[in-house]
């Protein structure tokens, strides 16, 4: 949770944070970052691996298939709160959100719930059942999450305080997901030649 909150303030709301550092503690105002949370969880797993004399990637490979359950729950929470909705749409499943005006929008948080939840869980669970080499499950998680998030960002509105970073479509979520996919591809490609 610390990683998610600190990550949000540093990545998505740095200007306001610098003017009012106490915003870090005003969690009731919302603001969590998956990418910051991932770094926080990685730090916790590194500490756990060190204390238990286990390899870092032995721990991450074990934890990775379980993460989509929490991701799905978080996105359902976004839906219940009526936040992180998407762009306007004429598709039949478009929804009107109280804070999104009187127009149907993509329920982008539900897209994320499905892809980052059951779809990613099935992918990782089936792959990890084959007893793959160390690091590869972690690599597949990074590729899967990063790819799904990158795609969904095309229909999700960017954070108002940031807007689009470039090309009138590139969001911060996409910019942060690209290194995840690249790191995952590197882990997957090199997993067979490494030790835990």
N, C-alpha and C. Protein backbone atom coordinates (compact mmCIF):
# COMPACT_ATOMS: atom_id res chain seq x y z
N UNK A 1 0.82 -1.20 0.00
CA UNK A 1 0.00 0.00 0.00
C UNK A 1 0.86 1.26 0.00
N UNK A 2 1.97 1.20 0.75
CA UNK A 2 2.87 2.35 0.76
C UNK A 2 3.43 2.63 -0.63
N UNK A 3 3.84 1.56 -1.30
CA UNK A 3 4.38 1.72 -2.65
C UNK A 3 3.34 2.32 -3.59
N UNK A 4 2.10 1.85 -3.49
CA UNK A 4 1.03 2.36 -4.34
C UNK A 4 0.75 3.82 -4.10
N UNK A 5 0.71 4.22 -2.82
CA UNK A 5 0.41 5.61 -2.49
C UNK A 5 1.58 6.54 -2.84
N UNK A 6 2.79 6.14 -2.45
CA UNK A 6 3.96 6.96 -2.75
C UNK A 6 4.15 7.05 -4.27
N UNK A 7 3.96 5.91 -4.94
CA UNK A 7 4.08 5.91 -6.40
C UNK A 7 3.11 6.85 -7.06
N UNK A 8 1.86 6.88 -6.57
CA UNK A 8 0.86 7.78 -7.15
C UNK A 8 1.28 9.24 -6.97
N UNK A 9 1.71 9.57 -5.76
CA UNK A 9 2.07 10.97 -5.50
C UNK A 9 3.28 11.40 -6.34
N UNK A 10 4.26 10.53 -6.49
CA UNK A 10 5.47 10.88 -7.23
C UNK A 10 5.27 10.84 -8.74
N UNK A 11 4.43 9.91 -9.21
CA UNK A 11 4.27 9.72 -10.65
C UNK A 11 3.12 10.54 -11.21
N UNK A 12 1.99 10.52 -10.51
CA UNK A 12 0.77 11.11 -11.06
C UNK A 12 0.41 12.48 -10.49
N UNK A 13 0.93 12.83 -9.33
CA UNK A 13 0.50 14.09 -8.70
C UNK A 13 1.66 14.81 -8.03
N UNK A 14 2.81 14.81 -8.67
CA UNK A 14 4.03 15.34 -8.07
C UNK A 14 3.91 16.83 -7.75
N UNK A 15 3.31 17.62 -8.62
CA UNK A 15 3.22 19.06 -8.40
C UNK A 15 2.45 19.36 -7.12
N UNK A 16 1.29 18.74 -6.96
CA UNK A 16 0.50 18.97 -5.75
C UNK A 16 1.22 18.44 -4.51
N UNK A 17 1.90 17.30 -4.66
CA UNK A 17 2.64 16.72 -3.53
C UNK A 17 3.76 17.65 -3.06
N UNK A 18 4.47 18.26 -4.01
CA UNK A 18 5.56 19.18 -3.65
C UNK A 18 5.03 20.42 -2.95
N UNK A 19 3.84 20.87 -3.33
CA UNK A 19 3.24 22.04 -2.68
C UNK A 19 2.63 21.69 -1.33
N UNK A 20 2.18 20.43 -1.19
CA UNK A 20 1.54 20.02 0.06
C UNK A 20 1.91 18.55 0.37
N UNK A 21 3.07 18.32 0.96
CA UNK A 21 3.52 16.94 1.24
C UNK A 21 2.55 16.14 2.09
N UNK A 22 1.72 16.82 2.90
CA UNK A 22 0.75 16.11 3.74
C UNK A 22 -0.28 15.34 2.92
N UNK A 23 -0.38 15.64 1.60
CA UNK A 23 -1.30 14.90 0.73
C UNK A 23 -1.01 13.41 0.75
N UNK A 24 0.25 13.06 0.99
CA UNK A 24 0.63 11.65 1.04
C UNK A 24 -0.22 10.88 2.03
N UNK A 25 -0.63 11.52 3.10
CA UNK A 25 -1.38 10.84 4.16
C UNK A 25 -2.90 10.96 4.00
N UNK A 26 -3.35 11.75 3.05
CA UNK A 26 -4.80 11.94 2.85
C UNK A 26 -5.33 10.87 1.91
N UNK A 27 -5.29 9.63 2.36
CA UNK A 27 -5.67 8.50 1.52
C UNK A 27 -7.16 8.49 1.21
N UNK A 28 -7.97 9.17 2.00
CA UNK A 28 -9.40 9.21 1.74
C UNK A 28 -9.72 10.01 0.48
N UNK A 29 -8.74 10.75 -0.01
CA UNK A 29 -8.93 11.49 -1.26
C UNK A 29 -8.61 10.63 -2.49
N UNK A 30 -8.20 9.39 -2.25
CA UNK A 30 -7.89 8.48 -3.35
C UNK A 30 -6.48 8.68 -3.88
N UNK A 31 -6.12 7.82 -4.82
CA UNK A 31 -4.81 7.94 -5.46
C UNK A 31 -3.86 6.82 -5.11
N UNK A 32 -3.90 5.75 -5.90
CA UNK A 32 -2.96 4.63 -5.76
C UNK A 32 -2.43 4.31 -7.15
N UNK A 33 -1.19 3.91 -7.22
CA UNK A 33 -0.57 3.56 -8.49
C UNK A 33 -0.18 2.09 -8.47
N UNK A 34 -0.63 1.33 -9.49
CA UNK A 34 -0.22 -0.07 -9.56
C UNK A 34 1.29 -0.18 -9.68
N UNK A 35 1.87 0.63 -10.54
CA UNK A 35 3.32 0.52 -10.78
C UNK A 35 4.12 0.84 -9.52
N UNK A 36 3.67 1.82 -8.74
CA UNK A 36 4.32 2.09 -7.45
C UNK A 36 4.11 0.94 -6.48
N UNK A 37 2.90 0.39 -6.49
CA UNK A 37 2.60 -0.77 -5.64
C UNK A 37 3.46 -1.96 -6.00
N UNK A 38 3.69 -2.16 -7.29
CA UNK A 38 4.54 -3.27 -7.74
C UNK A 38 5.96 -3.13 -7.18
N UNK A 39 6.49 -1.91 -7.21
CA UNK A 39 7.83 -1.70 -6.65
C UNK A 39 7.85 -1.96 -5.15
N UNK A 40 6.78 -1.53 -4.46
CA UNK A 40 6.68 -1.79 -3.03
C UNK A 40 6.61 -3.27 -2.71
N UNK A 41 5.83 -4.00 -3.49
CA UNK A 41 5.70 -5.46 -3.29
C UNK A 41 7.03 -6.15 -3.61
N UNK A 42 7.71 -5.70 -4.65
CA UNK A 42 9.02 -6.28 -4.98
C UNK A 42 10.01 -6.08 -3.84
N UNK A 43 9.97 -4.89 -3.23
CA UNK A 43 10.85 -4.63 -2.09
C UNK A 43 10.52 -5.57 -0.93
N UNK A 44 9.22 -5.76 -0.67
CA UNK A 44 8.81 -6.67 0.41
C UNK A 44 9.22 -8.10 0.11
N UNK A 45 9.08 -8.54 -1.14
CA UNK A 45 9.47 -9.90 -1.51
C UNK A 45 10.98 -10.08 -1.42
N UNK A 46 11.72 -9.02 -1.77
CA UNK A 46 13.18 -9.10 -1.66
C UNK A 46 13.58 -9.27 -0.20
N UNK A 47 12.95 -8.49 0.70
CA UNK A 47 13.24 -8.62 2.13
C UNK A 47 12.88 -10.02 2.64
N UNK A 48 11.73 -10.52 2.21
CA UNK A 48 11.30 -11.86 2.64
C UNK A 48 12.28 -12.92 2.13
N UNK A 49 12.66 -12.81 0.86
CA UNK A 49 13.60 -13.78 0.28
C UNK A 49 14.94 -13.75 1.03
N UNK A 50 15.36 -12.57 1.39
CA UNK A 50 16.63 -12.43 2.11
C UNK A 50 16.55 -13.03 3.51
N UNK A 51 15.44 -12.79 4.20
CA UNK A 51 15.29 -13.30 5.56
C UNK A 51 15.13 -14.82 5.60
N UNK A 52 14.57 -15.39 4.55
CA UNK A 52 14.32 -16.83 4.53
C UNK A 52 15.35 -17.60 3.71
N UNK A 53 16.36 -16.90 3.21
CA UNK A 53 17.41 -17.51 2.38
C UNK A 53 16.84 -18.22 1.15
N UNK A 54 15.84 -17.61 0.56
CA UNK A 54 15.28 -18.13 -0.69
C UNK A 54 15.70 -17.20 -1.82
N UNK A 55 15.74 -17.71 -3.01
CA UNK A 55 16.04 -16.87 -4.16
C UNK A 55 14.89 -15.90 -4.42
N UNK A 56 15.23 -14.67 -4.79
CA UNK A 56 14.20 -13.64 -5.03
C UNK A 56 13.18 -14.12 -6.06
N UNK A 57 13.65 -14.69 -7.16
CA UNK A 57 12.73 -15.11 -8.21
C UNK A 57 11.97 -16.38 -7.86
N UNK A 58 12.47 -17.14 -6.91
CA UNK A 58 11.70 -18.27 -6.40
C UNK A 58 10.44 -17.74 -5.71
N UNK A 59 10.59 -16.66 -4.98
CA UNK A 59 9.46 -16.03 -4.30
C UNK A 59 8.53 -15.37 -5.31
N UNK A 60 9.08 -14.58 -6.24
CA UNK A 60 8.22 -13.88 -7.20
C UNK A 60 7.48 -14.83 -8.12
N UNK A 61 8.13 -15.92 -8.52
CA UNK A 61 7.46 -16.91 -9.37
C UNK A 61 6.30 -17.58 -8.64
N UNK A 62 6.44 -17.77 -7.33
CA UNK A 62 5.37 -18.37 -6.54
C UNK A 62 4.19 -17.39 -6.35
N UNK A 63 4.51 -16.13 -6.13
CA UNK A 63 3.48 -15.12 -5.84
C UNK A 63 2.75 -14.66 -7.10
N UNK A 64 3.44 -14.59 -8.23
CA UNK A 64 2.88 -13.99 -9.45
C UNK A 64 1.51 -14.54 -9.85
N UNK A 65 1.28 -15.86 -9.85
CA UNK A 65 -0.04 -16.35 -10.26
C UNK A 65 -1.17 -15.97 -9.30
N UNK A 66 -0.83 -15.55 -8.09
CA UNK A 66 -1.85 -15.19 -7.11
C UNK A 66 -2.26 -13.71 -7.21
N UNK A 67 -1.42 -12.90 -7.80
CA UNK A 67 -1.65 -11.46 -7.86
C UNK A 67 -2.92 -11.08 -8.62
N UNK A 68 -3.26 -11.75 -9.73
CA UNK A 68 -4.47 -11.35 -10.46
C UNK A 68 -5.75 -11.37 -9.63
N UNK A 69 -5.82 -12.19 -8.61
CA UNK A 69 -7.01 -12.20 -7.75
C UNK A 69 -7.18 -10.83 -7.09
N UNK A 70 -6.10 -10.29 -6.54
CA UNK A 70 -6.14 -8.97 -5.92
C UNK A 70 -6.37 -7.86 -6.94
N UNK A 71 -5.76 -7.99 -8.12
CA UNK A 71 -5.95 -6.98 -9.16
C UNK A 71 -7.41 -6.90 -9.57
N UNK A 72 -8.04 -8.06 -9.74
CA UNK A 72 -9.45 -8.11 -10.12
C UNK A 72 -10.30 -7.44 -9.05
N UNK A 73 -10.04 -7.77 -7.79
CA UNK A 73 -10.81 -7.18 -6.69
C UNK A 73 -10.65 -5.66 -6.67
N UNK A 74 -9.44 -5.18 -6.91
CA UNK A 74 -9.19 -3.75 -6.93
C UNK A 74 -9.96 -3.04 -8.03
N UNK A 75 -10.01 -3.65 -9.22
CA UNK A 75 -10.73 -3.04 -10.33
C UNK A 75 -12.24 -3.08 -10.10
N UNK A 76 -12.74 -4.12 -9.45
CA UNK A 76 -14.16 -4.15 -9.08
C UNK A 76 -14.43 -3.01 -8.09
N UNK A 77 -13.49 -2.76 -7.19
CA UNK A 77 -13.61 -1.64 -6.27
C UNK A 77 -13.67 -0.31 -7.01
N UNK A 78 -12.84 -0.17 -8.07
CA UNK A 78 -12.90 1.04 -8.91
C UNK A 78 -14.28 1.20 -9.54
N UNK A 79 -14.85 0.08 -9.97
CA UNK A 79 -16.18 0.12 -10.58
C UNK A 79 -17.24 0.53 -9.56
N UNK A 80 -17.19 -0.05 -8.38
CA UNK A 80 -18.16 0.28 -7.33
C UNK A 80 -18.06 1.76 -6.96
N UNK A 81 -16.83 2.28 -6.93
CA UNK A 81 -16.62 3.69 -6.60
C UNK A 81 -16.91 4.63 -7.77
N UNK A 82 -17.15 4.05 -8.95
CA UNK A 82 -17.43 4.88 -10.13
C UNK A 82 -16.25 5.73 -10.55
N UNK A 83 -15.04 5.14 -10.50
CA UNK A 83 -13.83 5.89 -10.83
C UNK A 83 -13.06 5.17 -11.93
N UNK A 84 -12.18 5.90 -12.57
CA UNK A 84 -11.32 5.38 -13.64
C UNK A 84 -12.11 4.90 -14.85
N UNK A 85 -13.23 5.58 -15.12
CA UNK A 85 -14.03 5.21 -16.29
C UNK A 85 -13.33 5.66 -17.56
N UNK A 86 -13.88 5.16 -18.68
CA UNK A 86 -13.21 5.38 -19.95
C UNK A 86 -13.82 6.48 -20.80
N UNK A 87 -13.44 6.47 -22.04
CA UNK A 87 -13.89 7.46 -23.01
C UNK A 87 -15.36 7.22 -23.37
N UNK A 88 -16.00 8.23 -23.93
CA UNK A 88 -17.38 8.04 -24.40
C UNK A 88 -17.45 6.95 -25.46
N UNK A 89 -18.56 6.21 -25.47
CA UNK A 89 -18.74 5.13 -26.44
C UNK A 89 -20.19 4.99 -26.82
N UNK A 90 -20.42 4.48 -28.04
CA UNK A 90 -21.77 4.17 -28.50
C UNK A 90 -22.04 2.68 -28.42
N UNK A 91 -21.09 1.92 -27.90
CA UNK A 91 -21.27 0.47 -27.79
C UNK A 91 -22.40 0.16 -26.81
N UNK A 92 -23.10 -0.95 -27.01
CA UNK A 92 -24.27 -1.24 -26.18
C UNK A 92 -23.96 -1.45 -24.70
N UNK A 93 -22.72 -1.76 -24.36
CA UNK A 93 -22.39 -1.95 -22.94
C UNK A 93 -21.81 -0.69 -22.30
N UNK A 94 -21.85 0.43 -23.01
CA UNK A 94 -21.43 1.69 -22.42
C UNK A 94 -22.26 2.00 -21.18
N UNK A 95 -21.65 2.62 -20.19
CA UNK A 95 -22.33 2.92 -18.94
C UNK A 95 -22.22 4.40 -18.60
N UNK A 96 -23.25 4.90 -17.95
CA UNK A 96 -23.24 6.28 -17.47
C UNK A 96 -22.78 6.26 -16.01
N UNK A 97 -21.69 6.97 -15.74
CA UNK A 97 -21.15 7.04 -14.38
C UNK A 97 -21.50 8.39 -13.78
N UNK A 98 -21.91 8.41 -12.51
CA UNK A 98 -22.33 9.67 -11.88
C UNK A 98 -21.31 10.80 -12.01
N UNK A 99 -20.03 10.48 -11.93
CA UNK A 99 -19.01 11.53 -12.01
C UNK A 99 -18.49 11.73 -13.42
N UNK A 100 -19.06 11.00 -14.39
CA UNK A 100 -18.57 11.08 -15.76
C UNK A 100 -19.49 11.79 -16.72
N UNK A 101 -20.48 12.50 -16.20
CA UNK A 101 -21.40 13.20 -17.08
C UNK A 101 -22.54 12.28 -17.52
N UNK A 102 -23.42 12.81 -18.31
CA UNK A 102 -24.62 12.09 -18.72
C UNK A 102 -24.44 11.40 -20.07
N UNK A 103 -23.26 10.81 -20.30
CA UNK A 103 -23.00 10.12 -21.55
C UNK A 103 -22.44 8.73 -21.27
N UNK A 104 -22.79 7.74 -22.09
CA UNK A 104 -22.25 6.39 -21.89
C UNK A 104 -20.74 6.37 -22.12
N UNK A 105 -20.06 5.64 -21.26
CA UNK A 105 -18.60 5.54 -21.35
C UNK A 105 -18.17 4.08 -21.29
N UNK A 106 -16.96 3.84 -21.78
CA UNK A 106 -16.37 2.50 -21.63
C UNK A 106 -16.21 2.19 -20.14
N UNK A 107 -16.69 1.04 -19.69
CA UNK A 107 -16.42 0.64 -18.30
C UNK A 107 -15.01 0.03 -18.23
N UNK A 108 -14.01 0.89 -18.41
CA UNK A 108 -12.63 0.42 -18.56
C UNK A 108 -12.14 -0.34 -17.34
N UNK A 109 -12.68 -0.01 -16.16
CA UNK A 109 -12.27 -0.75 -14.97
C UNK A 109 -12.74 -2.20 -15.01
N UNK A 110 -13.87 -2.46 -15.69
CA UNK A 110 -14.33 -3.84 -15.84
C UNK A 110 -13.49 -4.59 -16.88
N UNK A 111 -13.06 -3.87 -17.93
CA UNK A 111 -12.14 -4.49 -18.89
C UNK A 111 -10.87 -4.93 -18.16
N UNK A 112 -10.38 -4.03 -17.31
CA UNK A 112 -9.16 -4.36 -16.56
C UNK A 112 -9.40 -5.50 -15.58
N UNK A 113 -10.57 -5.50 -14.94
CA UNK A 113 -10.88 -6.57 -14.00
C UNK A 113 -10.82 -7.93 -14.70
N UNK A 114 -11.36 -8.00 -15.91
CA UNK A 114 -11.39 -9.27 -16.65
C UNK A 114 -10.00 -9.66 -17.13
N UNK A 115 -9.29 -8.72 -17.75
CA UNK A 115 -7.98 -9.06 -18.32
C UNK A 115 -6.90 -9.24 -17.25
N UNK A 116 -6.88 -8.32 -16.27
CA UNK A 116 -5.84 -8.40 -15.23
C UNK A 116 -6.21 -9.44 -14.17
N UNK A 117 -7.48 -9.87 -14.16
CA UNK A 117 -7.94 -10.86 -13.20
C UNK A 117 -7.97 -12.26 -13.79
N UNK A 118 -9.15 -12.74 -14.20
CA UNK A 118 -9.27 -14.13 -14.69
C UNK A 118 -8.37 -14.47 -15.87
N UNK A 119 -8.24 -13.55 -16.84
CA UNK A 119 -7.41 -13.86 -18.01
C UNK A 119 -5.94 -14.03 -17.63
N UNK A 120 -5.41 -13.09 -16.85
CA UNK A 120 -4.01 -13.17 -16.44
C UNK A 120 -3.79 -14.35 -15.49
N UNK A 121 -4.75 -14.58 -14.60
CA UNK A 121 -4.66 -15.71 -13.67
C UNK A 121 -4.57 -17.03 -14.44
N UNK A 122 -5.46 -17.22 -15.43
CA UNK A 122 -5.47 -18.46 -16.21
C UNK A 122 -4.14 -18.64 -16.95
N UNK A 123 -3.65 -17.57 -17.55
CA UNK A 123 -2.39 -17.63 -18.28
C UNK A 123 -1.24 -18.07 -17.36
N UNK A 124 -1.13 -17.44 -16.21
CA UNK A 124 -0.04 -17.74 -15.29
C UNK A 124 -0.20 -19.10 -14.63
N UNK A 125 -1.43 -19.44 -14.29
CA UNK A 125 -1.68 -20.73 -13.62
C UNK A 125 -1.34 -21.89 -14.54
N UNK A 126 -1.80 -21.81 -15.79
CA UNK A 126 -1.52 -22.88 -16.74
C UNK A 126 -0.02 -22.96 -17.03
N UNK A 127 0.62 -21.82 -17.19
CA UNK A 127 2.05 -21.82 -17.49
C UNK A 127 2.87 -22.34 -16.31
N UNK A 128 2.54 -21.90 -15.10
CA UNK A 128 3.32 -22.33 -13.94
C UNK A 128 3.11 -23.81 -13.63
N UNK A 129 1.99 -24.38 -14.07
CA UNK A 129 1.75 -25.80 -13.87
C UNK A 129 2.68 -26.69 -14.68
N UNK A 130 3.35 -26.12 -15.66
CA UNK A 130 4.29 -26.88 -16.48
C UNK A 130 5.69 -26.94 -15.86
N UNK A 131 5.85 -26.39 -14.68
CA UNK A 131 7.14 -26.33 -13.98
C UNK A 131 8.20 -25.64 -14.85
N UNK A 132 7.96 -24.42 -15.25
CA UNK A 132 8.91 -23.70 -16.10
C UNK A 132 10.15 -23.29 -15.31
N UNK A 133 11.20 -22.87 -16.02
CA UNK A 133 12.42 -22.44 -15.33
C UNK A 133 12.20 -21.19 -14.48
N UNK A 134 13.06 -21.03 -13.48
CA UNK A 134 12.98 -19.87 -12.60
C UNK A 134 13.02 -18.58 -13.41
N UNK A 135 12.30 -17.59 -12.94
CA UNK A 135 12.18 -16.25 -13.52
C UNK A 135 11.13 -16.16 -14.62
N UNK A 136 10.77 -17.28 -15.22
CA UNK A 136 9.88 -17.20 -16.38
C UNK A 136 8.45 -16.86 -15.99
N UNK A 137 7.96 -17.33 -14.86
CA UNK A 137 6.60 -16.98 -14.44
C UNK A 137 6.53 -15.49 -14.12
N UNK A 138 7.55 -14.98 -13.45
CA UNK A 138 7.61 -13.54 -13.17
C UNK A 138 7.66 -12.75 -14.47
N UNK A 139 8.45 -13.23 -15.42
CA UNK A 139 8.53 -12.57 -16.72
C UNK A 139 7.20 -12.56 -17.44
N UNK A 140 6.49 -13.68 -17.41
CA UNK A 140 5.19 -13.75 -18.07
C UNK A 140 4.18 -12.83 -17.40
N UNK A 141 4.25 -12.71 -16.07
CA UNK A 141 3.37 -11.77 -15.37
C UNK A 141 3.61 -10.34 -15.86
N UNK A 142 4.86 -9.93 -15.94
CA UNK A 142 5.18 -8.57 -16.38
C UNK A 142 4.69 -8.32 -17.81
N UNK A 143 4.89 -9.31 -18.68
CA UNK A 143 4.44 -9.17 -20.07
C UNK A 143 2.91 -9.10 -20.12
N UNK A 144 2.25 -10.02 -19.41
CA UNK A 144 0.80 -10.07 -19.44
C UNK A 144 0.16 -8.82 -18.89
N UNK A 145 0.55 -8.41 -17.69
CA UNK A 145 -0.05 -7.22 -17.10
C UNK A 145 0.26 -5.99 -17.95
N UNK A 146 1.54 -5.83 -18.31
CA UNK A 146 1.93 -4.65 -19.08
C UNK A 146 1.19 -4.55 -20.40
N UNK A 147 1.01 -5.67 -21.10
CA UNK A 147 0.31 -5.67 -22.38
C UNK A 147 -1.17 -5.34 -22.21
N UNK A 148 -1.81 -6.00 -21.23
CA UNK A 148 -3.23 -5.73 -21.00
C UNK A 148 -3.45 -4.26 -20.61
N UNK A 149 -2.63 -3.76 -19.73
CA UNK A 149 -2.78 -2.38 -19.28
C UNK A 149 -2.55 -1.41 -20.44
N UNK A 150 -1.55 -1.67 -21.26
CA UNK A 150 -1.25 -0.81 -22.40
C UNK A 150 -2.46 -0.71 -23.33
N UNK A 151 -3.08 -1.85 -23.63
CA UNK A 151 -4.22 -1.88 -24.54
C UNK A 151 -5.44 -1.17 -23.95
N UNK A 152 -5.73 -1.41 -22.69
CA UNK A 152 -6.92 -0.82 -22.08
C UNK A 152 -6.79 0.69 -21.96
N UNK A 153 -5.59 1.18 -21.83
CA UNK A 153 -5.39 2.63 -21.71
C UNK A 153 -5.89 3.39 -22.94
N UNK A 154 -6.06 2.70 -24.07
CA UNK A 154 -6.58 3.37 -25.26
C UNK A 154 -8.04 3.79 -25.10
N UNK A 155 -8.78 3.10 -24.23
CA UNK A 155 -10.18 3.47 -24.01
C UNK A 155 -10.42 4.08 -22.64
N UNK A 156 -9.39 4.16 -21.83
CA UNK A 156 -9.52 4.76 -20.49
C UNK A 156 -9.01 6.20 -20.55
N UNK A 157 -9.73 7.11 -19.91
CA UNK A 157 -9.27 8.49 -19.89
C UNK A 157 -8.03 8.62 -19.01
N UNK A 158 -7.07 9.44 -19.43
CA UNK A 158 -5.88 9.63 -18.59
C UNK A 158 -6.22 10.45 -17.35
N UNK A 159 -5.36 10.41 -16.36
CA UNK A 159 -5.55 11.23 -15.17
C UNK A 159 -5.61 12.69 -15.57
N UNK A 160 -6.61 13.40 -15.04
CA UNK A 160 -6.88 14.78 -15.46
C UNK A 160 -5.67 15.69 -15.28
N UNK A 161 -4.91 15.50 -14.20
CA UNK A 161 -3.78 16.39 -13.92
C UNK A 161 -2.60 16.14 -14.85
N UNK A 162 -2.59 14.99 -15.54
CA UNK A 162 -1.49 14.68 -16.46
C UNK A 162 -1.90 14.79 -17.92
N UNK A 163 -3.09 14.30 -18.23
CA UNK A 163 -3.52 14.24 -19.62
C UNK A 163 -2.65 13.26 -20.40
N UNK A 164 -2.62 13.44 -21.71
CA UNK A 164 -1.79 12.58 -22.55
C UNK A 164 -0.35 13.09 -22.55
N UNK A 165 0.58 12.18 -22.53
CA UNK A 165 1.99 12.56 -22.50
C UNK A 165 2.53 12.91 -23.88
N UNK A 166 2.01 12.21 -24.91
CA UNK A 166 2.48 12.46 -26.28
C UNK A 166 1.50 11.87 -27.28
N UNK A 167 1.55 12.37 -28.49
CA UNK A 167 0.79 11.84 -29.63
C UNK A 167 -0.73 11.90 -29.45
N UNK A 168 -1.19 12.57 -28.42
CA UNK A 168 -2.62 12.65 -28.11
C UNK A 168 -3.24 11.29 -27.81
N UNK A 169 -2.38 10.32 -27.39
CA UNK A 169 -2.91 9.03 -26.97
C UNK A 169 -2.04 8.35 -25.91
N UNK A 170 -0.78 8.69 -25.80
CA UNK A 170 0.13 8.01 -24.87
C UNK A 170 -0.14 8.48 -23.43
N UNK A 171 -0.51 7.54 -22.58
CA UNK A 171 -0.78 7.87 -21.18
C UNK A 171 0.38 7.46 -20.30
N UNK A 172 0.37 7.92 -19.06
CA UNK A 172 1.40 7.52 -18.11
C UNK A 172 1.34 6.01 -17.86
N UNK A 173 0.13 5.47 -17.80
CA UNK A 173 -0.02 4.02 -17.61
C UNK A 173 0.66 3.24 -18.71
N UNK A 174 0.55 3.72 -19.95
CA UNK A 174 1.22 3.05 -21.07
C UNK A 174 2.73 3.21 -20.99
N UNK A 175 3.17 4.42 -20.67
CA UNK A 175 4.61 4.68 -20.58
C UNK A 175 5.26 3.80 -19.51
N UNK A 176 4.55 3.55 -18.41
CA UNK A 176 5.10 2.72 -17.34
C UNK A 176 4.97 1.24 -17.65
N UNK A 177 4.05 0.87 -18.54
CA UNK A 177 3.86 -0.54 -18.86
C UNK A 177 4.88 -1.05 -19.87
N UNK A 178 5.40 -0.18 -20.71
CA UNK A 178 6.40 -0.61 -21.70
C UNK A 178 7.64 -1.20 -21.03
N UNK A 179 8.24 -0.55 -20.03
CA UNK A 179 9.40 -1.17 -19.37
C UNK A 179 9.05 -2.50 -18.70
N UNK A 180 7.81 -2.64 -18.22
CA UNK A 180 7.39 -3.91 -17.63
C UNK A 180 7.44 -5.03 -18.68
N UNK A 181 6.88 -4.75 -19.86
CA UNK A 181 6.87 -5.75 -20.92
C UNK A 181 8.29 -6.10 -21.35
N UNK A 182 9.14 -5.09 -21.49
CA UNK A 182 10.53 -5.34 -21.89
C UNK A 182 11.29 -6.15 -20.83
N UNK A 183 11.09 -5.79 -19.55
CA UNK A 183 11.75 -6.54 -18.48
C UNK A 183 11.23 -7.96 -18.43
N UNK A 184 9.92 -8.13 -18.64
CA UNK A 184 9.35 -9.48 -18.64
C UNK A 184 9.89 -10.32 -19.78
N UNK A 185 10.01 -9.72 -20.96
CA UNK A 185 10.56 -10.44 -22.12
C UNK A 185 12.00 -10.85 -21.86
N UNK A 186 12.76 -9.95 -21.22
CA UNK A 186 14.16 -10.28 -20.90
C UNK A 186 14.23 -11.44 -19.91
N UNK A 187 13.39 -11.40 -18.86
CA UNK A 187 13.38 -12.48 -17.88
C UNK A 187 12.99 -13.80 -18.53
N UNK A 188 11.98 -13.76 -19.36
CA UNK A 188 11.51 -14.99 -20.01
C UNK A 188 12.57 -15.56 -20.95
N UNK A 189 13.21 -14.68 -21.72
CA UNK A 189 14.21 -15.13 -22.68
C UNK A 189 15.44 -15.70 -21.99
N UNK A 190 15.79 -15.16 -20.81
CA UNK A 190 17.00 -15.58 -20.13
C UNK A 190 16.75 -16.57 -18.99
N UNK A 191 15.51 -16.95 -18.77
CA UNK A 191 15.18 -17.79 -17.61
C UNK A 191 15.84 -19.15 -17.63
N UNK A 192 15.95 -19.73 -18.78
CA UNK A 192 16.51 -21.10 -18.85
C UNK A 192 17.99 -21.11 -18.55
N UNK A 193 18.67 -19.98 -18.68
CA UNK A 193 20.12 -19.95 -18.47
C UNK A 193 20.51 -19.43 -17.11
N UNK A 194 19.53 -19.18 -16.25
CA UNK A 194 19.82 -18.56 -14.96
C UNK A 194 19.48 -19.50 -13.82
N UNK A 195 20.02 -19.17 -12.67
CA UNK A 195 19.67 -19.91 -11.45
C UNK A 195 18.77 -19.00 -10.62
N UNK A 196 17.92 -19.57 -9.71
CA UNK A 196 17.03 -18.72 -8.91
C UNK A 196 17.79 -17.71 -8.11
